[in-house]
Amino acid sequence: MRHRSSVLIAVVLALVGCAKGESGPDPRVREARERGEELFVGRGACVECHTFGEVGDKVRAPNLAQGEPRTAAYVAASIVDPDAQIAKGFVRGVMKPPDQPPVSLTDDDIVDLALYLSGDDDFGGALAAIAPARAAREERARQSHLDNEIRRVSFVQGDATRGAKLYESLGCVLCHGNRRHSTKAPDLAVSGKRLSKDDMARWLIAPPATNMPSYGHCTAPQEVADLCEYMTTLQ
């Protein structure tokens, strides 16, 4: 009886395995990959630069079938933020994110492409990867813009007298008080000791997520230099 039971179990398992093989992947996955392939060669315009195995003939960008297996989440993030990970021999700034014009892929489009290119069927992981990748891309763009603005500031030409007038006219003292003022923000009397002029300029132009407004839109590079020079003199 034990032998016959073992044989029966083995037959059942074999039949289940065959049934799975015949049914193939989830119909939703097949449909998503079909849409992903259509996007790759069509509206998504991926094939204009990339190849995917035998699909496509351009060599402007990597063959996306090469390299280690990738998850759908990784591919979705790479589509949204193509400059986050760069293949050897290629440079940043070449590929425009396809969720922006003129291609303007939707999040669903990106998931379909990710399932097609990865061979993975993780819908949820691909979708969940999109928002963080977009946030990282936007933060890098913000930092790049800020770096460019800082390069325009000539600190050696900063004038403390002009900076003092700006400090008053911009109302800095209303929040950054001293012993005679109630302070809503750090006292800048020691700013010159704990912050570099570069740091001060960054706070003026694009402060982190705080209550402090940005003064980048209303101060010229020379005025930023003047303010920084003045703040180093505060006692």
C-alpha atoms as a PDB file:
ATOM      1  CA  MET A   1       0.000   0.000   0.000  1.00  0.00           C
ATOM      2  CA  ARG A   2       2.802   2.417   0.857  1.00  0.00           C
ATOM      3  CA  HIS A   3       4.483   1.764  -2.514  1.00  0.00           C
ATOM      4  CA  ARG A   4       1.220   2.292  -4.422  1.00  0.00           C
ATOM      5  CA  SER A   5       0.581   5.552  -2.500  1.00  0.00           C
ATOM      6  CA  SER A   6       4.043   6.846  -3.356  1.00  0.00           C
ATOM      7  CA  VAL A   7       3.493   6.066  -7.020  1.00  0.00           C
ATOM      8  CA  LEU A   8       0.098   7.789  -6.972  1.00  0.00           C
ATOM      9  CA  ILE A   9       1.565  10.925  -5.386  1.00  0.00           C
ATOM     10  CA  ALA A  10       4.352  11.009  -7.965  1.00  0.00           C
ATOM     11  CA  VAL A  11       1.824  10.719 -10.813  1.00  0.00           C
ATOM     12  CA  VAL A  12      -0.329  13.511  -9.376  1.00  0.00           C
ATOM     13  CA  LEU A  13       2.690  15.801  -9.001  1.00  0.00           C
ATOM     14  CA  ALA A  14       3.776  15.053 -12.542  1.00  0.00           C
ATOM     15  CA  LEU A  15       0.312  15.855 -13.860  1.00  0.00           C
ATOM     16  CA  VAL A  16       0.252  19.135 -11.919  1.00  0.00           C
ATOM     17  CA  GLY A  17       3.655  20.055 -13.331  1.00  0.00           C
ATOM     18  CA  CYS A  18       2.492  19.287 -16.860  1.00  0.00           C
ATOM     19  CA  ALA A  19      -0.652  21.339 -16.339  1.00  0.00           C
ATOM     20  CA  LYS A  20       1.417  24.318 -15.225  1.00  0.00           C
ATOM     21  CA  GLY A  21       3.705  23.966 -18.186  1.00  0.00           C
ATOM     22  CA  GLU A  22       0.747  23.865 -20.583  1.00  0.00           C
ATOM     23  CA  SER A  23      -1.002  26.863 -19.044  1.00  0.00           C
ATOM     24  CA  GLY A  24       2.122  29.040 -19.208  1.00  0.00           C
ATOM     25  CA  PRO A  25       2.396  32.397 -17.428  1.00  0.00           C
ATOM     26  CA  ASP A  26      -0.538  34.321 -16.020  1.00  0.00           C
ATOM     27  CA  PRO A  27      -2.590  35.763 -18.920  1.00  0.00           C
ATOM     28  CA  ARG A  28      -2.157  39.219 -17.386  1.00  0.00           C
ATOM     29  CA  VAL A  29       1.609  38.821 -17.587  1.00  0.00           C
ATOM     30  CA  ARG A  30       1.463  37.670 -21.207  1.00  0.00           C
ATOM     31  CA  GLU A  31      -0.705  40.645 -22.112  1.00  0.00           C
ATOM     32  CA  ALA A  32       1.564  43.052 -20.253  1.00  0.00           C
ATOM     33  CA  ARG A  33       4.639  41.708 -22.038  1.00  0.00           C
ATOM     34  CA  GLU A  34       2.887  41.942 -25.393  1.00  0.00           C
ATOM     35  CA  ARG A  35       2.078  45.583 -24.676  1.00  0.00           C
ATOM     36  CA  GLY A  36       5.660  46.078 -23.471  1.00  0.00           C
ATOM     37  CA  GLU A  37       7.037  44.715 -26.740  1.00  0.00           C
ATOM     38  CA  GLU A  38       4.701  46.997 -28.708  1.00  0.00           C
ATOM     39  CA  LEU A  39       5.947  49.954 -26.673  1.00  0.00           C
ATOM     40  CA  PHE A  40       9.582  48.930 -27.148  1.00  0.00           C
ATOM     41  CA  VAL A  41       9.343  48.941 -30.945  1.00  0.00           C
ATOM     42  CA  GLY A  42       6.581  51.531 -31.260  1.00  0.00           C
ATOM     43  CA  ARG A  43       5.390  54.504 -29.222  1.00  0.00           C
ATOM     44  CA  GLY A  44       8.069  54.102 -26.554  1.00  0.00           C
ATOM     45  CA  ALA A  45      10.738  54.504 -29.250  1.00  0.00           C
ATOM     46  CA  CYS A  46      13.163  52.364 -27.213  1.00  0.00           C
ATOM     47  CA  VAL A  47      14.293  50.549 -30.363  1.00  0.00           C
ATOM     48  CA  GLU A  48      15.609  53.827 -31.756  1.00  0.00           C
ATOM     49  CA  CYS A  49      18.626  53.438 -29.450  1.00  0.00           C
ATOM     50  CA  HIS A  50      18.430  50.041 -27.737  1.00  0.00           C
ATOM     51  CA  THR A  51      18.331  46.458 -28.863  1.00  0.00           C
ATOM     52  CA  PHE A  52      16.744  43.640 -26.900  1.00  0.00           C
ATOM     53  CA  GLY A  53      18.237  40.350 -27.939  1.00  0.00           C
ATOM     54  CA  GLU A  54      17.469  40.089 -31.660  1.00  0.00           C
ATOM     55  CA  VAL A  55      14.929  42.925 -31.569  1.00  0.00           C
ATOM     56  CA  GLY A  56      16.335  46.135 -33.052  1.00  0.00           C
ATOM     57  CA  ASP A  57      19.558  46.961 -34.826  1.00  0.00           C
ATOM     58  CA  LYS A  58      20.758  50.213 -33.223  1.00  0.00           C
ATOM     59  CA  VAL A  59      23.914  50.412 -31.089  1.00  0.00           C
ATOM     60  CA  ARG A  60      23.520  53.858 -29.540  1.00  0.00           C
ATOM     61  CA  ALA A  61      22.688  52.289 -26.173  1.00  0.00           C
ATOM     62  CA  PRO A  62      23.155  48.906 -24.426  1.00  0.00           C
ATOM     63  CA  ASN A  63      21.520  45.667 -25.558  1.00  0.00           C
ATOM     64  CA  LEU A  64      18.967  45.256 -22.781  1.00  0.00           C
ATOM     65  CA  ALA A  65      19.034  41.464 -22.989  1.00  0.00           C
ATOM     66  CA  GLN A  66      22.669  41.315 -21.899  1.00  0.00           C
ATOM     67  CA  GLY A  67      24.067  41.228 -18.386  1.00  0.00           C
ATOM     68  CA  GLU A  68      22.745  39.679 -15.195  1.00  0.00           C
ATOM     69  CA  PRO A  69      19.010  38.942 -14.843  1.00  0.00           C
ATOM     70  CA  ARG A  70      17.127  41.984 -13.590  1.00  0.00           C
ATOM     71  CA  THR A  71      13.919  42.266 -11.623  1.00  0.00           C
ATOM     72  CA  ALA A  72      10.922  44.137 -12.969  1.00  0.00           C
ATOM     73  CA  ALA A  73      11.356  46.671 -10.157  1.00  0.00           C
ATOM     74  CA  TYR A  74      14.957  47.379 -11.183  1.00  0.00           C
ATOM     75  CA  VAL A  75      14.000  47.806 -14.835  1.00  0.00           C
ATOM     76  CA  ALA A  76      11.051  50.081 -14.003  1.00  0.00           C
ATOM     77  CA  ALA A  77      13.314  52.296 -11.869  1.00  0.00           C
ATOM     78  CA  SER A  78      15.918  52.393 -14.654  1.00  0.00           C
ATOM     79  CA  ILE A  79      13.299  53.482 -17.188  1.00  0.00           C
ATOM     80  CA  VAL A  80      12.156  56.340 -14.954  1.00  0.00           C
ATOM     81  CA  ASP A  81      15.652  57.356 -13.835  1.00  0.00           C
ATOM     82  CA  PRO A  82      18.019  56.270 -16.630  1.00  0.00           C
ATOM     83  CA  ASP A  83      20.976  58.173 -15.187  1.00  0.00           C
ATOM     84  CA  ALA A  84      20.941  56.340 -11.856  1.00  0.00           C
ATOM     85  CA  GLN A  85      22.834  53.313 -13.195  1.00  0.00           C
ATOM     86  CA  ILE A  86      25.022  53.709 -16.294  1.00  0.00           C
ATOM     87  CA  ALA A  87      26.379  50.777 -18.279  1.00  0.00           C
ATOM     88  CA  LYS A  88      30.135  50.716 -18.776  1.00  0.00           C
ATOM     89  CA  GLY A  89      31.165  52.722 -21.817  1.00  0.00           C
ATOM     90  CA  PHE A  90      28.135  55.006 -21.743  1.00  0.00           C
ATOM     91  CA  VAL A  91      27.566  58.441 -20.189  1.00  0.00           C
ATOM     92  CA  ARG A  92      24.827  60.204 -18.237  1.00  0.00           C
ATOM     93  CA  GLY A  93      22.461  62.724 -19.707  1.00  0.00           C
ATOM     94  CA  VAL A  94      21.905  61.003 -23.055  1.00  0.00           C
ATOM     95  CA  MET A  95      18.590  59.263 -22.449  1.00  0.00           C
ATOM     96  CA  LYS A  96      15.648  61.518 -21.710  1.00  0.00           C
ATOM     97  CA  PRO A  97      13.252  59.930 -19.196  1.00  0.00           C
ATOM     98  CA  PRO A  98      10.461  58.406 -21.316  1.00  0.00           C
ATOM     99  CA  ASP A  99       7.737  59.396 -18.842  1.00  0.00           C
ATOM    100  CA  GLN A 100       8.337  62.983 -19.962  1.00  0.00           C
ATOM    101  CA  PRO A 101       7.434  64.556 -23.345  1.00  0.00           C
ATOM    102  CA  PRO A 102       7.641  63.769 -26.163  1.00  0.00           C
ATOM    103  CA  VAL A 103       7.185  60.064 -25.302  1.00  0.00           C
ATOM    104  CA  SER A 104       5.180  60.531 -22.079  1.00  0.00           C
ATOM    105  CA  LEU A 105       4.820  56.916 -20.981  1.00  0.00           C
ATOM    106  CA  THR A 106       2.280  56.301 -18.227  1.00  0.00           C
ATOM    107  CA  ASP A 107       3.092  54.305 -15.107  1.00  0.00           C
ATOM    108  CA  ASP A 108       1.170  51.365 -16.592  1.00  0.00           C
ATOM    109  CA  ASP A 109       3.285  51.622 -19.752  1.00  0.00           C
ATOM    110  CA  ILE A 110       6.451  51.527 -17.650  1.00  0.00           C
ATOM    111  CA  VAL A 111       5.261  48.414 -15.796  1.00  0.00           C
ATOM    112  CA  ASP A 112       4.476  46.675 -19.101  1.00  0.00           C
ATOM    113  CA  LEU A 113       7.920  47.524 -20.467  1.00  0.00           C
ATOM    114  CA  ALA A 114       9.581  46.366 -17.256  1.00  0.00           C
ATOM    115  CA  LEU A 115       7.833  42.980 -17.381  1.00  0.00           C
ATOM    116  CA  TYR A 116       8.782  42.565 -21.039  1.00  0.00           C
ATOM    117  CA  LEU A 117      12.431  43.502 -20.601  1.00  0.00           C
ATOM    118  CA  SER A 118      13.037  41.679 -17.315  1.00  0.00           C
ATOM    119  CA  GLY A 119      11.107  38.446 -17.828  1.00  0.00           C
ATOM    120  CA  ASP A 120       9.937  38.977 -14.244  1.00  0.00           C
ATOM    121  CA  ASP A 121       6.209  38.981 -13.451  1.00  0.00           C
ATOM    122  CA  ASP A 122       6.281  41.202 -10.352  1.00  0.00           C
ATOM    123  CA  PHE A 123       3.612  43.796 -11.226  1.00  0.00           C
ATOM    124  CA  GLY A 124       3.573  45.228  -7.698  1.00  0.00           C
ATOM    125  CA  GLY A 125       7.332  45.569  -7.419  1.00  0.00           C
ATOM    126  CA  ALA A 126       7.598  47.327 -10.775  1.00  0.00           C
ATOM    127  CA  LEU A 127       4.832  49.787  -9.913  1.00  0.00           C
ATOM    128  CA  ALA A 128       6.220  50.463  -6.416  1.00  0.00           C
ATOM    129  CA  ALA A 129       9.655  51.292  -7.848  1.00  0.00           C
ATOM    130  CA  ILE A 130       8.391  54.138 -10.030  1.00  0.00           C
ATOM    131  CA  ALA A 131       7.673  56.862  -7.450  1.00  0.00           C
ATOM    132  CA  PRO A 132      11.004  56.549  -5.548  1.00  0.00           C
ATOM    133  CA  ALA A 133      12.922  56.540  -8.823  1.00  0.00           C
ATOM    134  CA  ARG A 134      11.106  59.668  -9.980  1.00  0.00           C
ATOM    135  CA  ALA A 135      11.804  61.390  -6.642  1.00  0.00           C
ATOM    136  CA  ALA A 136      15.510  60.485  -6.863  1.00  0.00           C
ATOM    137  CA  ARG A 137      15.676  61.838 -10.415  1.00  0.00           C
ATOM    138  CA  GLU A 138      14.052  65.114  -9.399  1.00  0.00           C
ATOM    139  CA  GLU A 139      16.316  65.516  -6.374  1.00  0.00           C
ATOM    140  CA  ARG A 140      19.408  64.973  -8.513  1.00  0.00           C
ATOM    141  CA  ALA A 141      18.127  67.570 -10.986  1.00  0.00           C
ATOM    142  CA  ARG A 142      17.541  69.993  -8.100  1.00  0.00           C
ATOM    143  CA  GLN A 143      21.044  69.473  -6.788  1.00  0.00           C
ATOM    144  CA  SER A 144      22.518  69.922 -10.262  1.00  0.00           C
ATOM    145  CA  HIS A 145      20.639  73.206 -10.684  1.00  0.00           C
ATOM    146  CA  LEU A 146      21.807  74.349  -7.255  1.00  0.00           C
ATOM    147  CA  ASP A 147      25.420  73.491  -8.052  1.00  0.00           C
ATOM    148  CA  ASN A 148      25.191  75.585 -11.213  1.00  0.00           C
ATOM    149  CA  GLU A 149      23.760  78.515  -9.251  1.00  0.00           C
ATOM    150  CA  ILE A 150      26.525  78.286  -6.643  1.00  0.00           C
ATOM    151  CA  ARG A 151      29.163  78.401  -9.377  1.00  0.00           C
ATOM    152  CA  ARG A 152      27.831  81.824 -10.385  1.00  0.00           C
ATOM    153  CA  VAL A 153      28.491  83.257  -6.904  1.00  0.00           C
ATOM    154  CA  SER A 154      31.855  85.004  -6.570  1.00  0.00           C
ATOM    155  CA  PHE A 155      32.469  84.969  -2.819  1.00  0.00           C
ATOM    156  CA  VAL A 156      35.699  86.961  -3.130  1.00  0.00           C
ATOM    157  CA  GLN A 157      33.647  89.939  -4.310  1.00  0.00           C
ATOM    158  CA  GLY A 158      31.235  89.816  -1.388  1.00  0.00           C
ATOM    159  CA  ASP A 159      30.724  93.102   0.479  1.00  0.00           C
ATOM    160  CA  ALA A 160      29.611  92.995   4.125  1.00  0.00           C
ATOM    161  CA  THR A 161      28.158  96.537   4.070  1.00  0.00           C
ATOM    162  CA  ARG A 162      25.870  95.746   1.147  1.00  0.00           C
ATOM    163  CA  GLY A 163      25.109  92.400   2.775  1.00  0.00           C
ATOM    164  CA  ALA A 164      23.977  94.097   6.005  1.00  0.00           C
ATOM    165  CA  LYS A 165      21.468  96.228   4.081  1.00  0.00           C
ATOM    166  CA  LEU A 166      20.145  93.155   2.311  1.00  0.00           C
ATOM    167  CA  TYR A 167      19.913  91.275   5.598  1.00  0.00           C
ATOM    168  CA  GLU A 168      17.614  94.005   6.911  1.00  0.00           C
ATOM    169  CA  SER A 169      15.579  94.545   3.739  1.00  0.00           C
ATOM    170  CA  LEU A 170      14.924  90.829   3.251  1.00  0.00           C
ATOM    171  CA  GLY A 171      13.747  90.547   6.856  1.00  0.00           C
ATOM    172  CA  CYS A 172      16.270  87.886   7.847  1.00  0.00           C
ATOM    173  CA  VAL A 173      16.409  89.258  11.392  1.00  0.00           C
ATOM    174  CA  LEU A 174      12.697  88.548  11.909  1.00  0.00           C
ATOM    175  CA  CYS A 175      13.430  84.829  12.135  1.00  0.00           C
ATOM    176  CA  HIS A 176      17.182  84.698  12.708  1.00  0.00           C
ATOM    177  CA  GLY A 177      17.182  86.918  15.761  1.00  0.00           C
ATOM    178  CA  ASN A 178      19.724  87.606  18.443  1.00  0.00           C
ATOM    179  CA  ARG A 179      19.467  88.145  22.189  1.00  0.00           C
ATOM    180  CA  ARG A 180      17.090  91.083  21.654  1.00  0.00           C
ATOM    181  CA  HIS A 181      14.770  89.161  19.316  1.00  0.00           C
ATOM    182  CA  SER A 182      12.655  86.047  19.713  1.00  0.00           C
ATOM    183  CA  THR A 183      14.106  83.497  17.341  1.00  0.00           C
ATOM    184  CA  LYS A 184      12.061  81.323  14.976  1.00  0.00           C
ATOM    185  CA  ALA A 185      15.229  79.951  13.403  1.00  0.00           C
ATOM    186  CA  PRO A 186      18.907  79.492  14.376  1.00  0.00           C
ATOM    187  CA  ASP A 187      20.837  82.520  15.568  1.00  0.00           C
ATOM    188  CA  LEU A 188      23.247  83.448  12.789  1.00  0.00           C
ATOM    189  CA  ALA A 189      25.693  85.196  15.122  1.00  0.00           C
ATOM    190  CA  VAL A 190      27.913  82.134  14.956  1.00  0.00           C
ATOM    191  CA  SER A 191      27.162  81.249  11.342  1.00  0.00           C
ATOM    192  CA  GLY A 192      30.613  82.201  10.127  1.00  0.00           C
ATOM    193  CA  LYS A 193      32.170  79.739  12.553  1.00  0.00           C
ATOM    194  CA  ARG A 194      30.041  76.703  11.766  1.00  0.00           C
ATOM    195  CA  LEU A 195      29.046  77.196   8.132  1.00  0.00           C
ATOM    196  CA  SER A 196      31.138  77.813   5.041  1.00  0.00           C
ATOM    197  CA  LYS A 197      30.077  80.495   2.568  1.00  0.00           C
ATOM    198  CA  ASP A 198      29.181  77.728   0.164  1.00  0.00           C
ATOM    199  CA  ASP A 199      26.849  76.239   2.796  1.00  0.00           C
ATOM    200  CA  MET A 200      25.278  79.632   3.484  1.00  0.00           C
ATOM    201  CA  ALA A 201      24.684  80.210  -0.217  1.00  0.00           C
ATOM    202  CA  ARG A 202      22.995  76.829  -0.574  1.00  0.00           C
ATOM    203  CA  TRP A 203      20.643  77.641   2.278  1.00  0.00           C
ATOM    204  CA  LEU A 204      19.809  80.999   0.710  1.00  0.00           C
ATOM    205  CA  ILE A 205      19.183  79.665  -2.784  1.00  0.00           C
ATOM    206  CA  ALA A 206      17.555  76.302  -2.047  1.00  0.00           C
ATOM    207  CA  PRO A 207      17.033  75.569   1.647  1.00  0.00           C
ATOM    208  CA  PRO A 208      16.147  71.987   2.596  1.00  0.00           C
ATOM    209  CA  ALA A 209      12.597  71.093   3.608  1.00  0.00           C
ATOM    210  CA  THR A 210      12.219  73.700   6.353  1.00  0.00           C
ATOM    211  CA  ASN A 211      10.091  76.793   6.951  1.00  0.00           C
ATOM    212  CA  MET A 212      12.798  78.968   5.420  1.00  0.00           C
ATOM    213  CA  PRO A 213      11.803  80.331   1.986  1.00  0.00           C
ATOM    214  CA  SER A 214      14.163  80.299  -0.965  1.00  0.00           C
ATOM    215  CA  TYR A 215      15.807  83.597  -1.867  1.00  0.00           C
ATOM    216  CA  GLY A 216      17.228  82.306  -5.126  1.00  0.00           C
ATOM    217  CA  HIS A 217      14.457  83.958  -7.141  1.00  0.00           C
ATOM    218  CA  CYS A 218      14.980  87.423  -5.662  1.00  0.00           C
ATOM    219  CA  THR A 219      18.730  87.651  -5.099  1.00  0.00           C
ATOM    220  CA  ALA A 220      21.416  87.985  -7.742  1.00  0.00           C
ATOM    221  CA  PRO A 221      24.667  86.012  -7.381  1.00  0.00           C
ATOM    222  CA  GLN A 222      26.442  89.165  -6.197  1.00  0.00           C
ATOM    223  CA  GLU A 223      23.808  89.725  -3.508  1.00  0.00           C
ATOM    224  CA  VAL A 224      24.214  86.145  -2.316  1.00  0.00           C
ATOM    225  CA  ALA A 225      27.959  86.774  -2.001  1.00  0.00           C
ATOM    226  CA  ASP A 226      27.271  90.017  -0.088  1.00  0.00           C
ATOM    227  CA  LEU A 227      24.896  88.283   2.343  1.00  0.00           C
ATOM    228  CA  CYS A 228      27.362  85.476   2.981  1.00  0.00           C
ATOM    229  CA  GLU A 229      30.164  87.978   3.596  1.00  0.00           C
ATOM    230  CA  TYR A 230      28.009  89.882   6.079  1.00  0.00           C
ATOM    231  CA  MET A 231      26.991  86.757   7.971  1.00  0.00           C
ATOM    232  CA  THR A 232      30.627  85.859   8.568  1.00  0.00           C
ATOM    233  CA  THR A 233      30.981  89.178  10.472  1.00  0.00           C
ATOM    234  CA  LEU A 234      28.057  88.633  12.844  1.00  0.00           C
ATOM    235  CA  GLN A 235      29.041  88.570  16.506  1.00  0.00           C
END
